[in-house]
Protein backbone atom coordinates (compact mmCIF):
# COMPACT_ATOMS: atom_id res chain seq x y z
CA MET A 1 22.72 -13.72 46.29
CA ASP A 2 22.97 -17.52 46.78
CA ASN A 3 23.68 -19.91 43.92
CA SER A 4 20.03 -20.89 43.32
CA ASN A 5 18.87 -17.27 43.11
CA GLU A 6 21.79 -16.42 40.87
CA ARG A 7 20.88 -19.28 38.52
CA ARG A 8 17.26 -18.12 38.41
CA HIS A 9 18.38 -14.57 37.67
CA VAL A 10 20.59 -15.74 34.80
CA MET A 11 17.78 -17.89 33.40
CA LEU A 12 15.34 -14.99 33.63
CA ASN A 13 17.67 -12.83 31.56
CA LEU A 14 18.11 -15.69 29.09
CA VAL A 15 14.35 -16.10 28.62
CA GLN A 16 13.93 -12.37 28.10
CA HIS A 17 16.69 -12.41 25.49
CA LEU A 18 15.10 -15.38 23.69
CA ILE A 19 11.74 -13.61 23.60
CA GLU A 20 13.26 -10.48 22.07
CA GLU A 21 15.03 -12.59 19.45
CA THR A 22 11.77 -14.42 18.72
CA LEU A 23 9.93 -11.14 18.20
CA LYS A 24 12.40 -10.23 15.48
CA GLN A 25 11.31 -13.28 13.50
CA VAL A 26 7.57 -13.37 14.15
CA GLN A 27 4.67 -10.94 14.37
CA CYS A 28 3.00 -11.24 17.79
CA ASP A 29 0.61 -9.39 20.02
CA ARG A 30 3.01 -7.62 22.38
CA ASN A 31 0.25 -6.88 24.89
CA ARG A 32 -0.50 -10.58 25.32
CA LEU A 33 3.20 -11.32 25.50
CA SER A 34 3.62 -8.73 28.24
CA LEU A 35 0.65 -10.22 30.10
CA ILE A 36 2.18 -13.71 29.94
CA TRP A 37 5.52 -12.35 31.08
CA HIS A 38 4.05 -10.72 34.17
CA LEU A 39 1.61 -13.52 35.00
CA ALA A 40 3.86 -16.50 34.35
CA VAL A 41 7.53 -15.62 34.49
CA CYS A 42 7.81 -12.89 37.10
CA PRO A 43 5.69 -14.63 39.79
CA ALA A 44 7.68 -17.81 39.34
CA TYR A 45 10.88 -15.87 39.84
CA HIS A 46 9.66 -13.93 42.85
CA ARG A 47 8.24 -17.07 44.47
CA GLN A 48 11.72 -18.58 44.10
CA ALA A 49 10.29 -21.73 42.59
CA LYS A 50 12.31 -24.87 42.65
CA PRO A 51 14.78 -25.19 39.75
CA GLY A 52 12.91 -28.14 38.22
CA ILE A 53 9.58 -26.32 38.22
CA TRP A 54 11.30 -23.15 37.00
CA ASN A 55 12.89 -24.98 34.05
CA LEU A 56 9.54 -26.53 33.15
CA GLY A 57 7.90 -23.12 33.36
CA ILE A 58 10.47 -21.66 30.97
CA LEU A 59 9.95 -24.48 28.48
CA PHE A 60 6.17 -24.10 28.65
CA LEU A 61 6.44 -20.33 28.20
CA LEU A 62 8.63 -20.63 25.10
CA LEU A 63 6.36 -23.26 23.57
CA PHE A 64 3.33 -21.08 24.27
CA ILE A 65 4.98 -18.06 22.68
CA LEU A 66 6.03 -19.94 19.55
CA PHE A 67 2.94 -22.10 18.98
CA GLY A 68 0.07 -20.95 21.18
CA MET A 69 -0.25 -17.26 20.37
CA GLY A 70 -1.04 -17.59 16.69
CA CYS A 71 2.16 -15.83 15.74
CA GLN A 72 2.91 -15.70 12.06
CA ARG A 73 6.36 -15.67 10.59
CA SER A 74 7.02 -12.30 9.05
CA LYS A 75 7.05 -12.24 5.27
CA ALA A 76 9.26 -9.32 4.43
CA GLY A 77 8.86 -8.25 0.85
CA ILE A 78 8.66 -5.38 -1.59
CA THR A 79 5.67 -3.05 -1.60
CA VAL A 80 4.73 -1.46 -4.93
CA ALA A 81 2.14 1.33 -4.79
CA GLY A 82 0.68 4.05 -6.98
CA SER A 83 -0.98 4.45 -10.36
CA THR A 84 -4.12 2.36 -10.79
CA SER A 85 -3.59 2.28 -14.56
CA VAL A 86 -0.16 0.70 -14.03
CA GLU A 87 -1.41 -1.56 -11.22
CA PRO A 88 -2.75 -4.45 -13.40
CA PHE A 89 0.49 -4.50 -15.37
CA ALA A 90 2.56 -4.45 -12.17
CA GLU A 91 0.50 -7.31 -10.72
CA LEU A 92 1.30 -9.47 -13.76
CA LEU A 93 4.99 -8.63 -13.47
CA ALA A 94 4.93 -9.43 -9.73
CA GLU A 95 3.20 -12.77 -10.30
CA GLU A 96 5.71 -13.75 -12.98
CA TYR A 97 8.67 -12.77 -10.81
CA MET A 98 7.35 -14.62 -7.75
CA SER A 99 6.69 -17.73 -9.85
CA ARG A 100 10.39 -17.73 -10.75
CA HIS A 101 11.50 -16.77 -7.24
CA PRO A 102 9.08 -18.51 -4.80
CA GLU A 103 10.95 -17.15 -1.78
CA SER A 104 10.15 -13.55 -2.74
CA HIS A 105 7.05 -11.54 -1.78
CA ILE A 106 5.82 -8.55 -3.78
CA TYR A 107 2.74 -6.61 -2.68
CA VAL A 108 1.09 -4.37 -5.30
CA GLN A 109 -1.30 -1.61 -4.24
CA GLY A 110 -3.13 1.17 -6.09
CA GLY A 111 -3.97 4.60 -4.73
CA GLY A 112 -3.01 6.83 -7.65
CA SER A 113 0.24 8.21 -9.03
CA THR A 114 0.63 10.97 -6.45
CA ALA A 115 0.02 8.50 -3.61
CA GLY A 116 2.66 6.18 -5.05
CA ILE A 117 5.22 8.95 -5.33
CA GLU A 118 4.51 10.05 -1.76
CA ALA A 119 4.76 6.45 -0.54
CA VAL A 120 8.26 6.13 -2.00
CA THR A 121 9.28 9.54 -0.69
CA ASN A 122 8.08 8.61 2.81
CA ARG A 123 9.63 5.12 2.49
CA ALA A 124 6.25 3.45 2.92
CA ALA A 125 6.85 1.64 -0.39
CA LYS A 126 9.96 0.46 -2.18
CA ILE A 127 8.62 1.17 -5.67
CA GLY A 128 6.12 3.81 -6.75
CA MET A 129 4.01 3.60 -9.91
CA SER A 130 3.24 6.81 -11.75
CA SER A 131 1.45 7.51 -15.01
CA ARG A 132 2.58 11.12 -15.04
CA ASN A 133 5.89 12.94 -15.14
CA LEU A 134 7.55 13.91 -11.88
CA ILE A 135 7.46 17.56 -10.85
CA GLY A 136 9.43 19.73 -8.44
CA GLU A 137 11.30 17.83 -5.74
CA GLU A 138 9.82 14.57 -7.05
CA LYS A 139 12.48 14.70 -9.77
CA ASN A 140 15.05 13.72 -7.15
CA LEU A 141 13.62 10.20 -7.27
CA TYR A 142 15.12 7.62 -9.61
CA THR A 143 12.75 6.79 -12.48
CA VAL A 144 12.48 3.98 -15.01
CA THR A 145 10.05 4.25 -17.94
CA ILE A 146 8.32 0.89 -18.46
CA ALA A 147 5.69 1.90 -21.04
CA LYS A 148 3.93 4.78 -22.74
CA ASP A 149 0.20 5.04 -23.21
CA ALA A 150 -2.32 7.47 -24.68
CA ILE A 151 -5.37 9.27 -23.31
CA ALA A 152 -8.58 8.87 -25.31
CA ILE A 153 -11.96 10.60 -25.10
CA ILE A 154 -14.69 7.95 -25.25
CA LEU A 155 -18.34 8.40 -26.25
CA HIS A 156 -21.21 5.93 -26.27
CA PRO A 157 -21.21 4.03 -29.61
CA LYS A 158 -24.77 5.20 -30.36
CA ASN A 159 -23.85 8.86 -29.91
CA PRO A 160 -24.04 10.53 -33.36
CA VAL A 161 -21.30 13.03 -32.45
CA GLN A 162 -18.13 11.72 -34.07
CA ASP A 163 -15.80 14.69 -34.34
CA LEU A 164 -14.84 17.14 -31.60
CA SER A 165 -12.16 19.79 -31.63
CA LEU A 166 -9.72 20.20 -28.76
CA ASN A 167 -11.43 23.45 -27.81
CA GLN A 168 -14.85 21.76 -27.72
CA ILE A 169 -13.50 18.97 -25.51
CA ARG A 170 -11.97 21.55 -23.19
CA GLU A 171 -15.26 23.44 -22.89
CA VAL A 172 -17.22 20.23 -22.30
CA PHE A 173 -14.95 19.13 -19.44
CA ALA A 174 -14.91 22.65 -18.03
CA GLY A 175 -18.71 22.52 -17.84
CA LYS A 176 -19.25 25.33 -20.35
CA ILE A 177 -21.02 23.09 -22.87
CA LYS A 178 -23.67 21.03 -21.11
CA SER A 179 -25.84 19.62 -23.92
CA TRP A 180 -25.07 17.46 -26.95
CA ASP A 181 -27.16 19.64 -29.25
CA LYS A 182 -24.44 22.30 -28.95
CA LEU A 183 -22.10 19.81 -30.63
CA GLY A 184 -24.42 18.59 -33.39
CA GLY A 185 -26.07 15.84 -31.39
CA ALA A 186 -29.44 15.28 -29.74
CA SER A 187 -30.86 17.54 -27.06
CA HIS A 188 -29.58 15.52 -24.11
CA PRO A 189 -27.43 16.58 -21.18
CA ILE A 190 -23.74 15.67 -21.30
CA ILE A 191 -22.73 13.38 -18.45
CA LEU A 192 -19.02 13.67 -17.80
CA VAL A 193 -16.87 10.95 -16.28
CA THR A 194 -13.33 11.69 -15.17
CA ARG A 195 -10.58 10.21 -13.01
CA GLU A 196 -10.07 10.91 -9.32
CA GLU A 197 -7.81 13.58 -7.83
CA GLY A 198 -4.23 12.34 -7.61
CA SER A 199 -4.61 10.20 -10.73
CA GLY A 200 -1.69 10.53 -13.12
CA THR A 201 -4.10 10.20 -16.05
CA ARG A 202 -6.20 13.07 -14.75
CA GLU A 203 -3.15 15.24 -14.13
CA ALA A 204 -1.86 14.57 -17.64
CA PHE A 205 -5.29 15.37 -19.11
CA GLN A 206 -5.42 18.55 -17.04
CA LYS A 207 -1.99 19.63 -18.23
CA PHE A 208 -2.19 18.82 -21.94
CA MET A 209 -5.90 19.28 -22.60
CA MET A 210 -7.40 21.66 -20.06
CA GLY A 211 -4.56 24.12 -19.62
CA LYS A 212 -5.73 26.82 -17.21
CA GLU A 213 -9.31 25.51 -17.20
CA ASP A 214 -10.41 23.21 -14.37
CA ILE A 215 -12.50 20.10 -14.86
CA GLY A 216 -16.10 20.88 -13.92
CA LEU A 217 -17.31 19.91 -10.47
CA GLU A 218 -20.34 18.15 -11.99
CA ALA A 219 -18.12 15.49 -13.56
CA LEU A 220 -18.54 12.00 -12.12
CA VAL A 221 -15.36 10.56 -10.61
CA GLN A 222 -14.45 7.01 -11.56
CA ASP A 223 -11.38 4.93 -10.73
CA SER A 224 -9.68 3.11 -13.57
């Protein structure tokens, strides 16, 4: 290998190294990068272009990679995911923290308590939000209690029914009592609204209120 070819070979390796280092700092379309590599760099090398043209080609390639591909500098941060009832509170905490530490990035997502626990277990999130207690192998995770809340049964303000026993509530949500007249109200069907599967609120309600009874399938599902 003569000196000119050896110089080109060294420069080719240098460009490839610079590209790999650049990819560690930015988020790019690797397919387009590969296309540019094969269309621009490799032909220039194989054609044994003159050193001046080769140097100019390298400079153009690097400028194109850095500025012409729409690459965005990666914003590494902390992902917080889980309970939708905790989510608004977590968003306020994240905003306050980022206002004090502008260089930080915190991304808050919902999905439900179970989803948040699974996200932390699978390392898809750094912090999981849960509005229920951990069970089984979940107890291996480190927990911090940030607040305690209560679960309330809500009726329309014009509903004359004002007092329900725990057993009546259980039978209503199980679908065994379907009309308000069975509870001292008007002869109207009871329309149930509950939380989605995976919700910590729903799981807590199921555990402490329903016991062995399941929530009726006719209940409407509503996120918090």
